Protein backbone atom coordinates (compact mmCIF):
# COMPACT_ATOMS: atom_id res chain seq x y z
CA UNK A 1 -24.35 15.05 -5.34
CA UNK A 2 -25.38 18.55 -4.28
CA UNK A 3 -24.56 20.88 -7.19
CA UNK A 4 -25.41 24.00 -5.22
CA UNK A 5 -22.97 23.39 -2.38
CA UNK A 6 -20.64 25.62 -4.41
CA UNK A 7 -22.16 28.86 -5.61
CA UNK A 8 -20.85 31.88 -7.50
CA UNK A 9 -21.30 35.64 -7.55
CA UNK A 10 -21.30 38.31 -10.23
CA UNK A 11 -20.90 42.03 -9.84
CA UNK A 12 -23.10 44.29 -11.95
CA UNK A 13 -22.11 47.93 -12.44
CA UNK A 14 -23.43 50.98 -14.21
CA UNK A 15 -21.67 54.19 -13.28
CA UNK A 16 -21.64 54.44 -9.48
CA UNK A 17 -24.45 51.90 -9.04
CA UNK A 18 -23.42 48.31 -8.28
CA UNK A 19 -25.26 45.11 -7.38
CA UNK A 20 -24.11 41.54 -6.67
CA UNK A 21 -26.19 38.43 -7.33
CA UNK A 22 -25.75 34.67 -7.10
CA UNK A 23 -24.92 32.62 -10.22
CA UNK A 24 -24.64 28.95 -11.11
CA UNK A 25 -25.11 26.32 -13.80
CA UNK A 26 -28.57 25.59 -12.43
CA UNK A 27 -30.81 28.08 -10.64
CA UNK A 28 -34.35 27.23 -9.64
CA UNK A 29 -36.20 30.39 -10.60
CA UNK A 30 -38.48 31.76 -13.30
CA UNK A 31 -37.03 33.24 -16.48
CA UNK A 32 -38.20 36.67 -15.33
CA UNK A 33 -35.90 36.42 -12.30
CA UNK A 34 -32.82 35.29 -14.22
CA UNK A 35 -30.13 36.59 -16.51
CA UNK A 36 -29.40 33.87 -19.06
CA UNK A 37 -25.74 33.76 -20.13
CA UNK A 38 -25.95 30.49 -22.04
CA UNK A 39 -23.20 30.44 -24.68
CA UNK A 40 -24.83 30.54 -28.10
CA UNK A 41 -22.08 28.52 -29.80
CA UNK A 42 -21.49 25.68 -27.33
CA UNK A 43 -24.82 25.67 -25.50
CA UNK A 44 -23.02 25.80 -22.14
CA UNK A 45 -25.53 27.11 -19.59
CA UNK A 46 -24.88 29.81 -16.99
CA UNK A 47 -27.40 31.88 -15.06
CA UNK A 48 -27.40 34.71 -12.53
CA UNK A 49 -30.24 36.18 -10.54
CA UNK A 50 -31.32 39.39 -12.23
CA UNK A 51 -30.26 42.56 -10.40
CA UNK A 52 -33.06 44.66 -9.00
CA UNK A 53 -31.99 47.93 -10.59
CA UNK A 54 -29.47 47.04 -13.30
CA UNK A 55 -29.78 45.18 -16.58
CA UNK A 56 -28.25 41.79 -17.34
CA UNK A 57 -25.82 43.56 -19.68
CA UNK A 58 -24.19 45.33 -16.71
CA UNK A 59 -22.42 42.19 -15.48
CA UNK A 60 -18.69 42.88 -15.11
CA UNK A 61 -17.08 40.15 -12.96
CA UNK A 62 -17.39 36.48 -12.07
CA UNK A 63 -16.19 35.04 -8.76
CA UNK A 64 -16.62 32.06 -6.49
CA UNK A 65 -19.28 32.86 -3.92
CA UNK A 66 -18.98 30.30 -1.19
CA UNK A 67 -19.27 26.73 -0.03
CA UNK A 68 -22.09 25.09 1.91
CA UNK A 69 -20.72 22.25 3.99
CA UNK A 70 -24.06 20.57 4.72
CA UNK A 71 -22.28 18.54 7.36
CA UNK A 72 -22.68 18.49 11.14
CA UNK A 73 -19.78 19.59 13.31
CA UNK A 74 -19.54 16.18 14.97
CA UNK A 75 -19.27 14.56 11.55
CA UNK A 76 -16.13 16.50 10.66
CA UNK A 77 -14.09 14.04 12.75
CA UNK A 78 -14.69 11.53 9.94
CA UNK A 79 -12.60 13.68 7.60
CA UNK A 80 -9.14 14.11 9.11
CA UNK A 81 -6.07 13.94 6.91
CA UNK A 82 -3.42 11.62 8.31
CA UNK A 83 -5.92 9.96 10.64
CA UNK A 84 -8.64 8.46 8.49
CA UNK A 85 -7.79 9.95 5.08
CA UNK A 86 -4.64 9.39 3.03
CA UNK A 87 -3.35 6.89 5.59
CA UNK A 88 -1.27 3.88 4.57
CA UNK A 89 -2.64 0.52 5.69
CA UNK A 90 0.22 -1.63 7.07
CA UNK A 91 0.20 -5.41 6.56
CA UNK A 92 -1.43 -7.39 9.36
CA UNK A 93 1.04 -10.27 9.32
CA UNK A 94 3.47 -10.92 6.49
CA UNK A 95 4.62 -7.94 4.38
CA UNK A 96 4.48 -10.02 1.21
CA UNK A 97 2.03 -9.74 -1.66
CA UNK A 98 1.14 -12.56 -4.01
CA UNK A 99 0.35 -11.33 -7.53
CA UNK A 100 -2.03 -13.65 -9.33
CA UNK A 101 -2.79 -13.63 -13.08
CA UNK A 102 -5.70 -11.40 -14.00
CA UNK A 103 -8.90 -13.28 -14.74
CA UNK A 104 -11.02 -11.62 -17.41
CA UNK A 105 -14.78 -11.46 -17.16
CA UNK A 106 -16.07 -13.62 -20.04
CA UNK A 107 -18.81 -11.17 -20.93
CA UNK A 108 -16.99 -7.89 -20.41
CA UNK A 109 -13.33 -7.21 -19.92
CA UNK A 110 -12.32 -5.81 -16.56
CA UNK A 111 -10.20 -3.28 -18.38
CA UNK A 112 -13.37 -1.84 -19.93
CA UNK A 113 -14.60 -0.83 -16.48
CA UNK A 114 -11.51 0.46 -14.70
CA UNK A 115 -7.82 0.79 -15.46
CA UNK A 116 -5.97 -1.93 -13.57
CA UNK A 117 -2.45 -1.32 -14.87
CA UNK A 118 -0.22 1.72 -14.25
CA UNK A 119 0.72 3.90 -17.20
CA UNK A 120 4.35 4.16 -16.10
CA UNK A 121 6.84 4.29 -13.26
CA UNK A 122 9.71 6.39 -11.88
CA UNK A 123 13.33 5.33 -12.19
CA UNK A 124 16.07 7.62 -10.94
CA UNK A 125 13.45 10.32 -10.46
CA UNK A 126 12.43 10.25 -14.13
CA UNK A 127 9.03 9.15 -15.44
CA UNK A 128 9.06 6.17 -17.78
CA UNK A 129 5.76 5.49 -19.60
CA UNK A 130 4.78 1.93 -20.43
CA UNK A 131 3.12 2.78 -23.76
CA UNK A 132 6.40 2.98 -25.68
CA UNK A 133 6.74 6.77 -25.55
CA UNK A 134 10.35 7.84 -25.04
CA UNK A 135 10.56 10.64 -22.49
CA UNK A 136 13.68 12.77 -22.77
CA UNK A 137 15.12 14.97 -20.03
CA UNK A 138 15.08 18.69 -20.79
CA UNK A 139 17.39 19.92 -18.06
CA UNK A 140 18.60 23.21 -19.51
CA UNK A 141 17.17 26.39 -20.97
CA UNK A 142 19.06 25.62 -24.18
CA UNK A 143 17.34 22.25 -24.54
CA UNK A 144 13.92 23.78 -23.95
CA UNK A 145 14.59 26.66 -26.36
CA UNK A 146 15.73 24.27 -29.08
CA UNK A 147 12.58 22.19 -28.60
CA UNK A 148 10.15 25.11 -28.61
CA UNK A 149 11.92 27.30 -31.18
CA UNK A 150 9.38 28.83 -33.56
CA UNK A 151 6.40 27.36 -31.73
CA UNK A 152 3.29 28.69 -30.04
CA UNK A 153 2.28 26.78 -26.90
CA UNK A 154 -1.28 27.48 -25.74
CA UNK A 155 -2.34 26.27 -22.28
CA UNK A 156 -6.05 26.11 -21.43
CA UNK A 157 -7.63 25.00 -18.18
CA UNK A 158 -7.56 25.44 -14.44
CA UNK A 159 -4.82 26.24 -11.94
CA UNK A 160 -3.14 22.86 -12.49
CA UNK A 161 -2.45 23.99 -16.06
CA UNK A 162 -1.51 27.51 -15.00
CA UNK A 163 1.11 25.75 -12.85
CA UNK A 164 2.82 24.61 -16.06
CA UNK A 165 2.97 28.20 -17.30
CA UNK A 166 4.48 29.28 -13.98
CA UNK A 167 7.01 26.45 -14.14
CA UNK A 168 8.16 27.56 -17.60
CA UNK A 169 8.65 31.13 -16.37
CA UNK A 170 10.49 30.09 -13.21
CA UNK A 171 12.72 27.45 -14.80
CA UNK A 172 13.65 28.91 -18.17
CA UNK A 173 14.97 32.51 -18.05
CA UNK A 174 14.71 32.91 -21.81
CA UNK A 175 10.93 33.07 -21.50
CA UNK A 176 9.92 36.53 -20.33
CA UNK A 177 6.42 37.09 -18.98
CA UNK A 178 4.65 39.88 -20.81
CA UNK A 179 2.58 42.08 -18.49
CA UNK A 180 -1.00 42.03 -19.74
CA UNK A 181 -2.18 43.68 -16.49
CA UNK A 182 -4.38 40.65 -15.89
CA UNK A 183 -5.13 38.60 -12.79
CA UNK A 184 -2.26 36.35 -11.70
CA UNK A 185 -4.84 33.68 -10.93
CA UNK A 186 -7.21 33.85 -13.89
CA UNK A 187 -5.00 35.38 -16.56
CA UNK A 188 -4.80 35.58 -19.48
CA UNK A 189 -1.03 35.18 -19.26
CA UNK A 190 1.62 35.37 -21.97
CA UNK A 191 5.38 34.79 -22.15
CA UNK A 192 7.75 35.43 -25.04
CA UNK A 193 11.23 34.36 -26.07
CA UNK A 194 11.99 36.81 -28.88
CA UNK A 195 15.35 35.38 -30.05
CA UNK A 196 13.83 31.92 -30.46
CA UNK A 197 10.37 33.07 -31.60
CA UNK A 198 8.59 31.19 -28.79
CA UNK A 199 5.13 32.11 -27.50
CA UNK A 200 3.54 30.56 -24.39
CA UNK A 201 0.02 31.55 -23.32
CA UNK A 202 -2.39 30.55 -20.57
CA UNK A 203 -6.13 31.12 -20.33
CA UNK A 204 -8.50 29.71 -17.71
CA UNK A 205 -11.60 27.81 -18.78
CA UNK A 206 -15.07 29.29 -18.52
CA UNK A 207 -17.55 28.86 -15.66
CA UNK A 208 -17.83 27.05 -13.38
CA UNK A 209 -14.36 28.32 -12.42
CA UNK A 210 -13.67 28.90 -8.72
CA UNK A 211 -11.44 31.93 -9.14
CA UNK A 212 -11.83 35.39 -7.63
CA UNK A 213 -13.04 38.33 -9.72
CA UNK A 214 -12.54 37.19 -13.28
CA UNK A 215 -13.63 39.94 -15.71
CA UNK A 216 -16.58 38.75 -17.75
CA UNK A 217 -14.70 39.89 -20.85
CA UNK A 218 -12.08 37.21 -20.07
CA UNK A 219 -14.52 34.36 -19.41
CA UNK A 220 -13.94 32.14 -22.43
CA UNK A 221 -14.96 28.57 -23.19
CA UNK A 222 -12.08 26.44 -24.42
CA UNK A 223 -14.09 25.13 -27.37
CA UNK A 224 -14.59 28.67 -28.63
CA UNK A 225 -10.92 29.53 -28.13
CA UNK A 226 -9.83 26.46 -30.10
CA UNK A 227 -12.01 27.58 -32.99
CA UNK A 228 -9.89 30.75 -33.20
CA UNK A 229 -6.57 28.91 -33.43
CA UNK A 230 -5.20 28.39 -36.95
CA UNK A 231 -3.15 25.37 -35.88
CA UNK A 232 -0.35 23.72 -37.78
CA UNK A 233 3.02 22.02 -37.14
CA UNK A 234 4.24 24.91 -34.97
CA UNK A 235 1.16 25.01 -32.74
CA UNK A 236 0.81 23.06 -29.48
CA UNK A 237 -2.44 23.04 -27.49
CA UNK A 238 -2.60 21.76 -23.91
CA UNK A 239 -5.95 21.23 -22.17
CA UNK A 240 -6.59 20.47 -18.50
CA UNK A 241 -10.20 20.63 -17.31
CA UNK A 242 -11.31 18.65 -14.28
CA UNK A 243 -11.01 20.13 -10.79
CA UNK A 244 -13.79 22.71 -10.91
CA UNK A 245 -16.45 20.29 -12.15
CA UNK A 246 -16.43 17.93 -9.17
CA UNK A 247 -19.41 19.55 -7.43
CA UNK A 248 -21.69 19.15 -10.44
CA UNK A 249 -23.56 16.23 -11.92
CA UNK A 250 -21.72 14.24 -14.59
CA UNK A 251 -23.82 15.67 -17.43
CA UNK A 252 -22.28 19.14 -16.90
CA UNK A 253 -18.75 17.75 -17.21
CA UNK A 254 -19.64 15.48 -20.13
CA UNK A 255 -21.13 18.37 -22.08
CA UNK A 256 -18.00 20.46 -21.50
CA UNK A 257 -15.71 17.64 -22.61
CA UNK A 258 -17.83 16.86 -25.66
CA UNK A 259 -17.77 20.51 -26.74
CA UNK A 260 -14.00 20.58 -26.37
CA UNK A 261 -13.72 17.30 -28.26
CA UNK A 262 -15.74 18.68 -31.17
CA UNK A 263 -13.50 21.74 -31.28
CA UNK A 264 -10.39 19.52 -31.23
CA UNK A 265 -11.81 17.51 -34.13
CA UNK A 266 -12.39 20.73 -36.08
CA UNK A 267 -8.87 21.94 -35.26
CA UNK A 268 -7.23 18.69 -36.35
CA UNK A 269 -9.38 18.60 -39.48
CA UNK A 270 -8.21 22.01 -40.71
CA UNK A 271 -4.67 21.64 -39.33
CA UNK A 272 -3.83 17.92 -38.92
CA UNK A 273 -0.27 18.57 -37.76
CA UNK A 274 -1.38 20.52 -34.69
CA UNK A 275 -0.23 18.82 -31.47
CA UNK A 276 -2.98 18.46 -28.85
CA UNK A 277 -2.12 17.29 -25.33
CA UNK A 278 -4.63 16.43 -22.59
CA UNK A 279 -3.68 16.60 -18.91
CA UNK A 280 -5.62 14.23 -16.67
CA UNK A 281 -6.78 14.77 -13.10
CA UNK A 282 -4.53 13.95 -10.15
CA UNK A 283 -5.01 12.84 -6.53
CA UNK A 284 -4.59 15.54 -3.90
CA UNK A 285 -4.26 16.22 -0.19
CA UNK A 286 -7.67 15.98 1.45
CA UNK A 287 -9.19 18.42 3.91
CA UNK A 288 -12.86 18.58 4.90
CA UNK A 289 -13.36 21.14 2.13
CA UNK A 290 -11.60 19.03 -0.51
CA UNK A 291 -13.37 15.86 0.61
CA UNK A 292 -16.78 17.41 0.20
CA UNK A 293 -16.10 19.39 -2.98
CA UNK A 294 -13.29 17.71 -4.86
CA UNK A 295 -12.36 14.38 -3.36
CA UNK A 296 -10.26 11.81 -5.17
CA UNK A 297 -13.40 9.71 -5.60
CA UNK A 298 -15.05 12.51 -7.60
CA UNK A 299 -11.82 13.17 -9.48
CA UNK A 300 -11.33 9.57 -10.61
CA UNK A 301 -14.92 9.40 -11.90
CA UNK A 302 -14.27 12.53 -13.94
CA UNK A 303 -10.94 11.14 -15.08
CA UNK A 304 -12.68 8.07 -16.50
CA UNK A 305 -15.10 10.32 -18.37
CA UNK A 306 -12.27 12.43 -19.78
CA UNK A 307 -10.41 9.36 -21.06
CA UNK A 308 -13.59 7.96 -22.60
CA UNK A 309 -14.51 11.21 -24.38
CA UNK A 310 -11.07 11.67 -25.97
CA UNK A 311 -10.48 7.99 -26.71
CA UNK A 312 -9.67 7.40 -30.36
CA UNK A 313 -8.66 10.99 -31.16
CA UNK A 314 -5.18 11.84 -32.39
CA UNK A 315 -4.21 13.47 -29.10
CA UNK A 316 -1.56 12.82 -26.47
CA UNK A 317 -2.07 12.18 -22.79
CA UNK A 318 -0.06 13.38 -19.81
CA UNK A 319 -1.20 10.93 -17.13
CA UNK A 320 -1.02 13.24 -14.13
CA UNK A 321 -3.00 10.73 -12.05
CA UNK A 322 -0.38 8.00 -12.22
CA UNK A 323 2.53 10.45 -12.17
CA UNK A 324 1.35 11.82 -8.81
CA UNK A 325 0.22 8.46 -7.47
CA UNK A 326 3.54 6.77 -8.20
CA UNK A 327 5.76 9.52 -6.78
CA UNK A 328 7.12 9.50 -3.24
CA UNK A 329 6.06 13.13 -2.69
CA UNK A 330 2.72 13.63 -0.92
CA UNK A 331 -0.40 14.18 -2.97
CA UNK A 332 -1.24 17.79 -3.72
CA UNK A 333 -3.81 19.51 -5.91
CA UNK A 334 -0.81 21.36 -7.34
CA UNK A 335 1.94 18.73 -7.57
CA UNK A 336 5.37 19.72 -6.35
CA UNK A 337 8.13 20.86 -8.78
CA UNK A 338 9.82 17.45 -9.31
CA UNK A 339 6.52 16.01 -10.56
CA UNK A 340 5.77 19.08 -12.69
CA UNK A 341 9.26 18.82 -14.17
CA UNK A 342 8.46 15.27 -15.28
CA UNK A 343 5.13 16.37 -16.75
CA UNK A 344 6.90 19.11 -18.72
CA UNK A 345 9.46 16.55 -19.93
CA UNK A 346 6.60 14.38 -21.21
CA UNK A 347 5.05 17.40 -22.96
CA UNK A 348 8.35 18.44 -24.56
CA UNK A 349 9.04 14.85 -25.60
CA UNK A 350 5.75 14.84 -27.50
CA UNK A 351 6.74 18.11 -29.18
CA UNK A 352 10.32 17.12 -30.02
CA UNK A 353 10.27 13.38 -30.48
CA UNK A 354 12.85 11.95 -32.89
CA UNK A 355 11.57 11.10 -36.41
CA UNK A 356 11.78 7.36 -35.68
CA UNK A 357 9.62 7.67 -32.53
CA UNK A 358 6.11 8.04 -33.90
CA UNK A 359 4.13 6.24 -31.19
CA UNK A 360 0.98 8.20 -30.40
CA UNK A 361 -0.28 8.50 -26.87
CA UNK A 362 -3.96 7.67 -26.42
CA UNK A 363 -6.36 8.14 -23.53
């Protein structure tokens, strides 16, 4: 683990004078050399090198700075998609598999260490969970409008959550994107369906976020945002935080998840009928860059942490990992539309489940 192989930049400005310095979760320097942007509420740490001529208060933007490979050119041949990564292994002799009964460890269940059973499967192109949740198909704008009528849907996370916002806009003409004059990548984004009183918003999570030129005024931690949501039966919160933490040690990700968990507990305490949905990580296509910064190995470790942190809470899970893994389409950091459509169907089924279907999803 080399947490500094990804680094970040911030622009400082005062009038016509500008400076740019390096930022990160950890920076090895004295306090006199640093600007400390640790969030006072959550304790999430963030530092930048102090500009030479400007004050720490002059910071205006956050952006990804770069990536240090720390790998020799001749070693890159070990990371080639379709050659030695993401390649199916054919059977050596007989294409048959014998499935034997699972043998439990007598001292500790295998299931306590790693998930060994899929969470669902596809049939006729539709996702069917194995936890008893009934997933309905929302194939028309009318069906979606009826489901979301009178509701506020708030999406928080990275680009894999922003993809859901974009899918709603592209697939359901009733939702009109409201121009907030914000970055298409970082947001914030908002869409409205006035006749049906539907609000859909998206906001990216706080640093470390590998986006370009996010205004500091729009850098928000999800835990803090959740504390400003009233909640209630007409409020739906979706959270997806995973991809941008793969270059950091586990403690950074655990702290972020624990802060979000505490905020979810507070939200559900003051508004128990608020619906909270967690999107898991998913496997992706692997390049040299992805292998070194965000490989599936890193992602699955984080996925286990996410499930452990939210285990036992009254939240729902959209198992993006299994939904991508089980589909015939190739793996992609941003899953293709048929998979996203199934994820949205799962989300809407949680929102609009029949009164007799009260099974709760659980990480």
